[in-house]
Amino acid sequence: MSTPRTIQSYDAEIAIIRENIRQLMEQAAASSGAANEDLLADRIAAQEARLAALQQQMDGTIGTGEGGKSRA
């Protein structure tokens, strides 16, 4: 059995993903060409899906009392 993740580890990964999304959106704004726009849109969608999954996992961890300290 693996060690449960802490809220802080979720927060850290979520912050990284949010920064990735911010950078991808900047690239998309500066980009031209349909191929580039499609690629960046796909990458943004993948990061947003990962962010939603992490937030859902974290909510489940908080709800079950696992994962170390709760948010205050």
PDB file of N, CA and C in Angstrom:
ATOM      1  N   MET A   1       0.838  -1.173   0.000  1.00  0.00           N
ATOM      2  CA  MET A   1       0.000   0.000   0.000  1.00  0.00           C
ATOM      3  C   MET A   1       0.886   1.240   0.000  1.00  0.00           C
ATOM      4  N   SER A   2       0.517   2.223  -0.790  1.00  0.00           N
ATOM      5  CA  SER A   2       1.335   3.426  -0.872  1.00  0.00           C
ATOM      6  C   SER A   2       0.958   4.409   0.233  1.00  0.00           C
ATOM      7  N   THR A   3       1.886   5.280   0.512  1.00  0.00           N
ATOM      8  CA  THR A   3       1.667   6.310   1.518  1.00  0.00           C
ATOM      9  C   THR A   3       0.674   7.328   0.973  1.00  0.00           C
ATOM     10  N   PRO A   4      -0.317   7.716   1.778  1.00  0.00           N
ATOM     11  CA  PRO A   4      -1.276   8.715   1.291  1.00  0.00           C
ATOM     12  C   PRO A   4      -0.589  10.055   1.023  1.00  0.00           C
ATOM     13  N   ARG A   5      -1.074  10.751   0.021  1.00  0.00           N
ATOM     14  CA  ARG A   5      -0.518  12.059  -0.307  1.00  0.00           C
ATOM     15  C   ARG A   5      -0.987  13.082   0.714  1.00  0.00           C
ATOM     16  N   THR A   6      -0.158  14.060   0.926  1.00  0.00           N
ATOM     17  CA  THR A   6      -0.537  15.152   1.811  1.00  0.00           C
ATOM     18  C   THR A   6      -1.231  16.246   1.003  1.00  0.00           C
ATOM     19  N   ILE A   7      -1.978  17.057   1.709  1.00  0.00           N
ATOM     20  CA  ILE A   7      -2.631  18.189   1.059  1.00  0.00           C
ATOM     21  C   ILE A   7      -1.575  19.097   0.429  1.00  0.00           C
ATOM     22  N   GLN A   8      -0.453  19.250   1.106  1.00  0.00           N
ATOM     23  CA  GLN A   8       0.610  20.103   0.580  1.00  0.00           C
ATOM     24  C   GLN A   8       1.153  19.565  -0.743  1.00  0.00           C
ATOM     25  N   SER A   9       1.239  18.248  -0.886  1.00  0.00           N
ATOM     26  CA  SER A   9       1.738  17.698  -2.146  1.00  0.00           C
ATOM     27  C   SER A   9       0.740  17.932  -3.275  1.00  0.00           C
ATOM     28  N   TYR A  10      -0.567  17.823  -2.954  1.00  0.00           N
ATOM     29  CA  TYR A  10      -1.581  18.163  -3.958  1.00  0.00           C
ATOM     30  C   TYR A  10      -1.466  19.640  -4.334  1.00  0.00           C
ATOM     31  N   ASP A  11      -1.373  20.503  -3.323  1.00  0.00           N
ATOM     32  CA  ASP A  11      -1.276  21.937  -3.582  1.00  0.00           C
ATOM     33  C   ASP A  11      -0.081  22.266  -4.468  1.00  0.00           C
ATOM     34  N   ALA A  12       1.045  21.637  -4.211  1.00  0.00           N
ATOM     35  CA  ALA A  12       2.250  21.894  -5.000  1.00  0.00           C
ATOM     36  C   ALA A  12       2.051  21.476  -6.454  1.00  0.00           C
ATOM     37  N   GLU A  13       1.485  20.299  -6.667  1.00  0.00           N
ATOM     38  CA  GLU A  13       1.274  19.838  -8.043  1.00  0.00           C
ATOM     39  C   GLU A  13       0.226  20.687  -8.752  1.00  0.00           C
ATOM     40  N   ILE A  14      -0.816  21.075  -8.036  1.00  0.00           N
ATOM     41  CA  ILE A  14      -1.844  21.938  -8.615  1.00  0.00           C
ATOM     42  C   ILE A  14      -1.238  23.279  -9.021  1.00  0.00           C
ATOM     43  N   ALA A  15      -0.365  23.833  -8.204  1.00  0.00           N
ATOM     44  CA  ALA A  15       0.289  25.103  -8.538  1.00  0.00           C
ATOM     45  C   ALA A  15       1.125  24.969  -9.808  1.00  0.00           C
ATOM     46  N   ILE A  16       1.814  23.858  -9.951  1.00  0.00           N
ATOM     47  CA  ILE A  16       2.620  23.621 -11.154  1.00  0.00           C
ATOM     48  C   ILE A  16       1.728  23.547 -12.384  1.00  0.00           C
ATOM     49  N   ILE A  17       0.631  22.823 -12.277  1.00  0.00           N
ATOM     50  CA  ILE A  17      -0.273  22.678 -13.420  1.00  0.00           C
ATOM     51  C   ILE A  17      -0.900  24.021 -13.780  1.00  0.00           C
ATOM     52  N   ARG A  18      -1.292  24.792 -12.786  1.00  0.00           N
ATOM     53  CA  ARG A  18      -1.854  26.119 -13.067  1.00  0.00           C
ATOM     54  C   ARG A  18      -0.836  27.005 -13.777  1.00  0.00           C
ATOM     55  N   GLU A  19       0.421  26.925 -13.375  1.00  0.00           N
ATOM     56  CA  GLU A  19       1.471  27.690 -14.044  1.00  0.00           C
ATOM     57  C   GLU A  19       1.648  27.194 -15.480  1.00  0.00           C
ATOM     58  N   ASN A  20       1.590  25.880 -15.695  1.00  0.00           N
ATOM     59  CA  ASN A  20       1.670  25.331 -17.053  1.00  0.00           C
ATOM     60  C   ASN A  20       0.541  25.878 -17.917  1.00  0.00           C
ATOM     61  N   ILE A  21      -0.674  25.898 -17.371  1.00  0.00           N
ATOM     62  CA  ILE A  21      -1.825  26.408 -18.119  1.00  0.00           C
ATOM     63  C   ILE A  21      -1.616  27.883 -18.451  1.00  0.00           C
ATOM     64  N   ARG A  22      -1.140  28.663 -17.484  1.00  0.00           N
ATOM     65  CA  ARG A  22      -0.891  30.087 -17.722  1.00  0.00           C
ATOM     66  C   ARG A  22       0.107  30.280 -18.861  1.00  0.00           C
ATOM     67  N   GLN A  23       1.192  29.506 -18.836  1.00  0.00           N
ATOM     68  CA  GLN A  23       2.208  29.616 -19.881  1.00  0.00           C
ATOM     69  C   GLN A  23       1.659  29.186 -21.238  1.00  0.00           C
ATOM     70  N   LEU A  24       0.873  28.117 -21.254  1.00  0.00           N
ATOM     71  CA  LEU A  24       0.283  27.660 -22.514  1.00  0.00           C
ATOM     72  C   LEU A  24      -0.682  28.699 -23.079  1.00  0.00           C
ATOM     73  N   MET A  25      -1.427  29.362 -22.205  1.00  0.00           N
ATOM     74  CA  MET A  25      -2.355  30.392 -22.674  1.00  0.00           C
ATOM     75  C   MET A  25      -1.595  31.588 -23.245  1.00  0.00           C
ATOM     76  N   GLU A  26      -0.467  31.926 -22.638  1.00  0.00           N
ATOM     77  CA  GLU A  26       0.374  32.994 -23.188  1.00  0.00           C
ATOM     78  C   GLU A  26       0.903  32.595 -24.562  1.00  0.00           C
ATOM     79  N   GLN A  27       1.337  31.346 -24.688  1.00  0.00           N
ATOM     80  CA  GLN A  27       1.826  30.858 -25.978  1.00  0.00           C
ATOM     81  C   GLN A  27       0.713  30.893 -27.014  1.00  0.00           C
ATOM     82  N   ALA A  28      -0.488  30.503 -26.609  1.00  0.00           N
ATOM     83  CA  ALA A  28      -1.616  30.489 -27.538  1.00  0.00           C
ATOM     84  C   ALA A  28      -1.948  31.904 -28.003  1.00  0.00           C
ATOM     85  N   ALA A  29      -1.876  32.862 -27.094  1.00  0.00           N
ATOM     86  CA  ALA A  29      -2.168  34.251 -27.449  1.00  0.00           C
ATOM     87  C   ALA A  29      -1.137  34.799 -28.435  1.00  0.00           C
ATOM     88  N   ALA A  30       0.096  34.361 -28.310  1.00  0.00           N
ATOM     89  CA  ALA A  30       1.165  34.849 -29.177  1.00  0.00           C
ATOM     90  C   ALA A  30       1.305  34.027 -30.454  1.00  0.00           C
ATOM     91  N   SER A  31       0.624  32.908 -30.514  1.00  0.00           N
ATOM     92  CA  SER A  31       0.783  31.963 -31.616  1.00  0.00           C
ATOM     93  C   SER A  31      -0.084  32.353 -32.806  1.00  0.00           C
ATOM     94  N   SER A  32       0.372  31.933 -33.971  1.00  0.00           N
ATOM     95  CA  SER A  32      -0.456  32.076 -35.158  1.00  0.00           C
ATOM     96  C   SER A  32      -0.409  30.769 -35.925  1.00  0.00           C
ATOM     97  N   GLY A  33      -1.456  30.499 -36.635  1.00  0.00           N
ATOM     98  CA  GLY A  33      -1.529  29.271 -37.411  1.00  0.00           C
ATOM     99  C   GLY A  33      -2.424  28.253 -36.741  1.00  0.00           C
ATOM    100  N   ALA A  34      -3.270  27.642 -37.537  1.00  0.00           N
ATOM    101  CA  ALA A  34      -4.256  26.702 -37.014  1.00  0.00           C
ATOM    102  C   ALA A  34      -3.608  25.497 -36.348  1.00  0.00           C
ATOM    103  N   ALA A  35      -2.514  24.998 -36.905  1.00  0.00           N
ATOM    104  CA  ALA A  35      -1.862  23.815 -36.334  1.00  0.00           C
ATOM    105  C   ALA A  35      -1.337  24.116 -34.933  1.00  0.00           C
ATOM    106  N   ASN A  36      -0.693  25.266 -34.783  1.00  0.00           N
ATOM    107  CA  ASN A  36      -0.191  25.657 -33.462  1.00  0.00           C
ATOM    108  C   ASN A  36      -1.332  25.838 -32.478  1.00  0.00           C
ATOM    109  N   GLU A  37      -2.394  26.506 -32.916  1.00  0.00           N
ATOM    110  CA  GLU A  37      -3.537  26.752 -32.041  1.00  0.00           C
ATOM    111  C   GLU A  37      -4.177  25.445 -31.595  1.00  0.00           C
ATOM    112  N   ASP A  38      -4.309  24.501 -32.520  1.00  0.00           N
ATOM    113  CA  ASP A  38      -4.895  23.201 -32.173  1.00  0.00           C
ATOM    114  C   ASP A  38      -4.017  22.454 -31.177  1.00  0.00           C
ATOM    115  N   LEU A  39      -2.720  22.457 -31.414  1.00  0.00           N
ATOM    116  CA  LEU A  39      -1.793  21.777 -30.511  1.00  0.00           C
ATOM    117  C   LEU A  39      -1.850  22.391 -29.115  1.00  0.00           C
ATOM    118  N   LEU A  40      -1.808  23.714 -29.044  1.00  0.00           N
ATOM    119  CA  LEU A  40      -1.861  24.377 -27.743  1.00  0.00           C
ATOM    120  C   LEU A  40      -3.206  24.155 -27.062  1.00  0.00           C
ATOM    121  N   ALA A  41      -4.289  24.168 -27.825  1.00  0.00           N
ATOM    122  CA  ALA A  41      -5.610  23.906 -27.243  1.00  0.00           C
ATOM    123  C   ALA A  41      -5.666  22.501 -26.655  1.00  0.00           C
ATOM    124  N   ASP A  42      -5.080  21.535 -27.353  1.00  0.00           N
ATOM    125  CA  ASP A  42      -5.034  20.161 -26.838  1.00  0.00           C
ATOM    126  C   ASP A  42      -4.204  20.083 -25.562  1.00  0.00           C
ATOM    127  N   ARG A  43      -3.077  20.774 -25.537  1.00  0.00           N
ATOM    128  CA  ARG A  43      -2.216  20.758 -24.341  1.00  0.00           C
ATOM    129  C   ARG A  43      -2.901  21.438 -23.161  1.00  0.00           C
ATOM    130  N   ILE A  44      -3.593  22.549 -23.426  1.00  0.00           N
ATOM    131  CA  ILE A  44      -4.332  23.231 -22.359  1.00  0.00           C
ATOM    132  C   ILE A  44      -5.436  22.325 -21.828  1.00  0.00           C
ATOM    133  N   ALA A  45      -6.172  21.677 -22.723  1.00  0.00           N
ATOM    134  CA  ALA A  45      -7.248  20.778 -22.300  1.00  0.00           C
ATOM    135  C   ALA A  45      -6.709  19.627 -21.455  1.00  0.00           C
ATOM    136  N   ALA A  46      -5.558  19.093 -21.829  1.00  0.00           N
ATOM    137  CA  ALA A  46      -4.958  17.998 -21.059  1.00  0.00           C
ATOM    138  C   ALA A  46      -4.557  18.474 -19.665  1.00  0.00           C
ATOM    139  N   GLN A  47      -3.983  19.669 -19.584  1.00  0.00           N
ATOM    140  CA  GLN A  47      -3.590  20.212 -18.280  1.00  0.00           C
ATOM    141  C   GLN A  47      -4.822  20.506 -17.421  1.00  0.00           C
ATOM    142  N   GLU A  48      -5.882  21.035 -18.042  1.00  0.00           N
ATOM    143  CA  GLU A  48      -7.111  21.312 -17.295  1.00  0.00           C
ATOM    144  C   GLU A  48      -7.743  20.024 -16.779  1.00  0.00           C
ATOM    145  N   ALA A  49      -7.694  18.964 -17.582  1.00  0.00           N
ATOM    146  CA  ALA A  49      -8.230  17.671 -17.143  1.00  0.00           C
ATOM    147  C   ALA A  49      -7.425  17.127 -15.971  1.00  0.00           C
ATOM    148  N   ARG A  50      -6.108  17.252 -16.043  1.00  0.00           N
ATOM    149  CA  ARG A  50      -5.249  16.796 -14.938  1.00  0.00           C
ATOM    150  C   ARG A  50      -5.517  17.609 -13.678  1.00  0.00           C
ATOM    151  N   LEU A  51      -5.701  18.908 -13.835  1.00  0.00           N
ATOM    152  CA  LEU A  51      -6.010  19.774 -12.700  1.00  0.00           C
ATOM    153  C   LEU A  51      -7.328  19.359 -12.052  1.00  0.00           C
ATOM    154  N   ALA A  52      -8.349  19.123 -12.854  1.00  0.00           N
ATOM    155  CA  ALA A  52      -9.644  18.707 -12.313  1.00  0.00           C
ATOM    156  C   ALA A  52      -9.533  17.371 -11.587  1.00  0.00           C
ATOM    157  N   ALA A  53      -8.772  16.437 -12.154  1.00  0.00           N
ATOM    158  CA  ALA A  53      -8.594  15.125 -11.519  1.00  0.00           C
ATOM    159  C   ALA A  53      -7.871  15.258 -10.181  1.00  0.00           C
ATOM    160  N   LEU A  54      -6.834  16.073 -10.134  1.00  0.00           N
ATOM    161  CA  LEU A  54      -6.104  16.283  -8.877  1.00  0.00           C
ATOM    162  C   LEU A  54      -6.984  16.932  -7.822  1.00  0.00           C
ATOM    163  N   GLN A  55      -7.771  17.920  -8.240  1.00  0.00           N
ATOM    164  CA  GLN A  55      -8.652  18.579  -7.284  1.00  0.00           C
ATOM    165  C   GLN A  55      -9.689  17.597  -6.739  1.00  0.00           C
ATOM    166  N   GLN A  56     -10.191  16.723  -7.598  1.00  0.00           N
ATOM    167  CA  GLN A  56     -11.148  15.714  -7.158  1.00  0.00           C
ATOM    168  C   GLN A  56     -10.486  14.724  -6.200  1.00  0.00           C
ATOM    169  N   GLN A  57      -9.280  14.292  -6.508  1.00  0.00           N
ATOM    170  CA  GLN A  57      -8.548  13.393  -5.609  1.00  0.00           C
ATOM    171  C   GLN A  57      -8.309  14.059  -4.265  1.00  0.00           C
ATOM    172  N   MET A  58      -7.920  15.334  -4.304  1.00  0.00           N
ATOM    173  CA  MET A  58      -7.652  16.046  -3.065  1.00  0.00           C
ATOM    174  C   MET A  58      -8.931  16.190  -2.243  1.00  0.00           C
ATOM    175  N   ASP A  59     -10.034  16.492  -2.894  1.00  0.00           N
ATOM    176  CA  ASP A  59     -11.309  16.598  -2.184  1.00  0.00           C
ATOM    177  C   ASP A  59     -11.673  15.276  -1.532  1.00  0.00           C
ATOM    178  N   GLY A  60     -11.407  14.167  -2.208  1.00  0.00           N
ATOM    179  CA  GLY A  60     -11.666  12.849  -1.634  1.00  0.00           C
ATOM    180  C   GLY A  60     -10.768  12.569  -0.448  1.00  0.00           C
ATOM    181  N   THR A  61      -9.528  13.012  -0.533  1.00  0.00           N
ATOM    182  CA  THR A  61      -8.587  12.824   0.569  1.00  0.00           C
ATOM    183  C   THR A  61      -9.029  13.620   1.784  1.00  0.00           C
ATOM    184  N   ILE A  62      -9.432  14.851   1.563  1.00  0.00           N
ATOM    185  CA  ILE A  62      -9.892  15.691   2.669  1.00  0.00           C
ATOM    186  C   ILE A  62     -11.158  15.097   3.270  1.00  0.00           C
ATOM    187  N   GLY A  63     -12.056  14.619   2.419  1.00  0.00           N
ATOM    188  CA  GLY A  63     -13.321  14.069   2.889  1.00  0.00           C
ATOM    189  C   GLY A  63     -13.168  12.819   3.724  1.00  0.00           C
ATOM    190  N   THR A  64     -12.107  12.041   3.480  1.00  0.00           N
ATOM    191  CA  THR A  64     -11.895  10.801   4.229  1.00  0.00           C
ATOM    192  C   THR A  64     -10.959  10.997   5.403  1.00  0.00           C
ATOM    193  N   GLY A  65     -10.422  12.195   5.534  1.00  0.00           N
ATOM    194  CA  GLY A  65      -9.510  12.466   6.643  1.00  0.00           C
ATOM    195  C   GLY A  65      -8.110  11.959   6.415  1.00  0.00           C
ATOM    196  N   GLU A  66      -7.784  11.546   5.193  1.00  0.00           N
ATOM    197  CA  GLU A  66      -6.441  11.068   4.870  1.00  0.00           C
ATOM    198  C   GLU A  66      -5.604  12.234   4.370  1.00  0.00           C
ATOM    199  N   GLY A  67      -4.334  11.979   4.236  1.00  0.00           N
ATOM    200  CA  GLY A  67      -3.463  12.929   3.563  1.00  0.00           C
ATOM    201  C   GLY A  67      -2.849  13.979   4.449  1.00  0.00           C
ATOM    202  N   GLY A  68      -2.766  13.722   5.709  1.00  0.00           N
ATOM    203  CA  GLY A  68      -2.070  14.677   6.573  1.00  0.00           C
ATOM    204  C   GLY A  68      -2.987  15.773   7.044  1.00  0.00           C
ATOM    205  N   LYS A  69      -2.408  16.950   7.187  1.00  0.00           N
ATOM    206  CA  LYS A  69      -3.143  18.078   7.738  1.00  0.00           C
ATOM    207  C   LYS A  69      -4.250  18.510   6.794  1.00  0.00           C
ATOM    208  N   SER A  70      -5.352  18.901   7.375  1.00  0.00           N
ATOM    209  CA  SER A  70      -6.437  19.436   6.564  1.00  0.00           C
ATOM    210  C   SER A  70      -6.200  20.916   6.340  1.00  0.00           C
ATOM    211  N   ARG A  71      -6.935  21.469   5.411  1.00  0.00           N
ATOM    212  CA  ARG A  71      -6.806  22.892   5.126  1.00  0.00           C
ATOM    213  C   ARG A  71      -7.478  23.681   6.224  1.00  0.00           C
ATOM    214  N   ALA A  72      -6.874  24.773   6.587  1.00  0.00           N
ATOM    215  CA  ALA A  72      -7.450  25.627   7.629  1.00  0.00           C
ATOM    216  C   ALA A  72      -7.792  26.981   7.075  1.00  0.00           C
TER     217      ALA A  72
END
